[in-house]
Amino acid sequence: IWRKPTGFDPERGQFHTYLFTLARSRAIDRLRSTTLRTNKSNAAARSVAAERSTAAADLSPARMALVVERRQMVREAIEILDPEHRHALELAYFDGLTHVEIAEQLSMPLGTVKTRIRQAMQILRHQLKELNE
């Protein structure tokens, strides 16, 4: 209503009907968006699980051991992160949220979210580089 005050036409109906219609539409949009994101996330998880099982079947035991070792190294590096950096990173890379969605969910400025994710990635890069040396 604030963005488009000219959207209301008194000849088409009463203001409160217009207001309720806008609110209902936004609520439905939000519900659909959440449901779609959840479905995409579940589908992505199933896809990753299928790829892992297929990839695991194709790997030699030595290669599989290397994959398991690297996965553990990444988990340990993520655990080293402070909670603020870790949470932002997990929302971005494991939950698939955009930076804007993360900022809304965490109630913080978009720039702060971007900085935390970038810093987390730099810390992980440094930690994993040390583990590989």
Protein backbone atom coordinates (compact mmCIF):
# COMPACT_ATOMS: atom_id res chain seq x y z
CA ILE A 1 0.00 0.00 0.00
CA TRP A 2 2.87 2.37 0.80
CA ARG A 3 4.71 1.56 -2.40
CA LYS A 4 1.69 1.89 -4.70
CA PRO A 5 -0.92 4.11 -3.08
CA THR A 6 -2.60 4.52 -6.45
CA GLY A 7 -3.33 0.78 -6.55
CA PHE A 8 -6.57 1.25 -4.64
CA ASP A 9 -9.54 2.18 -6.83
CA PRO A 10 -12.62 3.18 -4.75
CA GLU A 11 -14.87 2.42 -7.72
CA ARG A 12 -13.86 -1.26 -7.57
CA GLY A 13 -14.63 -1.80 -3.88
CA GLN A 14 -14.06 -0.78 -0.30
CA PHE A 15 -10.63 -0.08 1.14
CA HIS A 16 -10.78 -2.79 3.81
CA THR A 17 -11.61 -5.39 1.12
CA TYR A 18 -8.61 -4.21 -0.90
CA LEU A 19 -6.39 -4.38 2.20
CA PHE A 20 -7.54 -7.91 3.13
CA THR A 21 -7.02 -9.08 -0.45
CA LEU A 22 -3.45 -7.75 -0.46
CA ALA A 23 -2.68 -9.35 2.91
CA ARG A 24 -4.15 -12.69 1.80
CA SER A 25 -2.16 -12.65 -1.44
CA ARG A 26 1.10 -11.92 0.41
CA ALA A 27 0.40 -14.69 2.91
CA ILE A 28 -0.26 -17.19 0.12
CA ASP A 29 2.90 -16.07 -1.70
CA ARG A 30 4.95 -16.54 1.46
CA LEU A 31 3.46 -19.98 2.09
CA ARG A 32 4.12 -21.09 -1.49
CA SER A 33 7.67 -19.76 -1.34
CA THR A 34 8.39 -21.63 1.89
CA THR A 35 6.83 -24.83 0.57
CA LEU A 36 8.75 -24.56 -2.71
CA ARG A 37 12.03 -23.95 -0.88
CA THR A 38 11.38 -26.94 1.41
CA ASN A 39 10.56 -29.16 -1.55
CA LYS A 40 13.68 -28.01 -3.41
CA SER A 41 15.79 -28.63 -0.31
CA ASN A 42 14.35 -32.15 0.14
CA ALA A 43 14.85 -32.92 -3.56
CA ALA A 44 18.42 -31.65 -3.39
CA ALA A 45 19.12 -33.80 -0.32
CA ARG A 46 17.72 -36.88 -2.08
CA SER A 47 19.80 -36.07 -5.16
CA VAL A 48 22.97 -35.68 -3.11
CA ALA A 49 22.28 -38.95 -1.28
CA ALA A 50 21.73 -40.73 -4.60
CA GLU A 51 24.93 -39.25 -6.03
CA ARG A 52 26.88 -40.30 -2.95
CA SER A 53 25.65 -43.86 -3.11
CA THR A 54 26.37 -44.04 -6.85
CA ALA A 55 29.75 -42.40 -6.40
CA ALA A 56 30.55 -44.66 -3.46
CA ALA A 57 29.84 -47.71 -5.60
CA ASP A 58 32.25 -46.44 -8.27
CA LEU A 59 35.10 -45.60 -5.87
CA SER A 60 37.94 -47.86 -4.92
CA PRO A 61 38.37 -48.48 -1.18
CA ALA A 62 41.41 -46.20 -1.07
CA ARG A 63 39.57 -43.40 -2.87
CA MET A 64 36.54 -43.84 -0.62
CA ALA A 65 38.77 -43.56 2.46
CA LEU A 66 40.19 -40.32 1.09
CA VAL A 67 36.67 -38.92 0.54
CA VAL A 68 35.63 -39.85 4.08
CA GLU A 69 38.81 -38.29 5.48
CA ARG A 70 38.26 -35.02 3.58
CA ARG A 71 34.63 -34.88 4.65
CA GLN A 72 35.73 -35.23 8.28
CA MET A 73 38.33 -32.48 7.81
CA VAL A 74 35.66 -30.10 6.50
CA ARG A 75 33.35 -30.93 9.42
CA GLU A 76 36.15 -30.24 11.89
CA ALA A 77 37.01 -26.95 10.18
CA ILE A 78 33.37 -25.86 10.33
CA GLU A 79 33.22 -26.70 14.04
CA ILE A 80 36.13 -24.30 14.65
CA LEU A 81 34.08 -21.35 13.34
CA ASP A 82 32.41 -19.11 15.89
CA PRO A 83 28.61 -19.61 16.06
CA GLU A 84 27.72 -16.43 14.13
CA HIS A 85 29.93 -17.32 11.16
CA ARG A 86 28.96 -21.00 11.24
CA HIS A 87 25.21 -20.28 11.34
CA ALA A 88 25.35 -17.87 8.39
CA LEU A 89 27.48 -20.30 6.39
CA GLU A 90 25.18 -23.25 7.14
CA LEU A 91 22.10 -21.28 6.11
CA ALA A 92 23.77 -20.31 2.83
CA TYR A 93 25.40 -23.58 1.82
CA PHE A 94 23.42 -26.31 3.57
CA ASP A 95 19.93 -24.77 3.67
CA GLY A 96 20.31 -23.00 0.33
CA LEU A 97 19.06 -19.60 1.51
CA THR A 98 20.00 -16.43 -0.31
CA HIS A 99 21.90 -13.70 1.50
CA VAL A 100 18.71 -11.61 1.67
CA GLU A 101 16.76 -14.52 3.21
CA ILE A 102 19.53 -15.09 5.75
CA ALA A 103 19.51 -11.39 6.68
CA GLU A 104 15.74 -11.53 7.21
CA GLN A 105 15.92 -14.75 9.22
CA LEU A 106 18.75 -13.51 11.44
CA SER A 107 17.38 -9.94 11.65
CA MET A 108 20.64 -8.36 10.64
CA PRO A 109 21.86 -6.09 7.83
CA LEU A 110 22.57 -7.71 4.47
CA GLY A 111 26.15 -6.41 4.50
CA THR A 112 26.80 -8.11 7.84
CA VAL A 113 25.53 -11.44 6.50
CA LYS A 114 27.72 -11.18 3.40
CA THR A 115 30.75 -10.28 5.52
CA ARG A 116 30.20 -13.20 7.90
CA ILE A 117 29.88 -15.69 5.07
CA ARG A 118 32.98 -14.32 3.32
CA GLN A 119 34.97 -14.38 6.57
CA ALA A 120 33.79 -17.93 7.30
CA MET A 121 34.95 -19.06 3.87
CA GLN A 122 38.34 -17.40 4.41
CA ILE A 123 38.73 -19.11 7.79
CA LEU A 124 37.76 -22.48 6.30
CA ARG A 125 40.19 -22.01 3.41
CA HIS A 126 42.99 -21.25 5.90
CA GLN A 127 42.09 -24.16 8.19
CA LEU A 128 41.83 -26.68 5.36
CA LYS A 129 45.09 -25.44 3.83
CA GLU A 130 46.85 -26.07 7.15
CA LEU A 131 45.30 -29.53 7.44
CA ASN A 132 46.50 -30.47 3.95
CA GLU A 133 50.10 -29.34 4.54
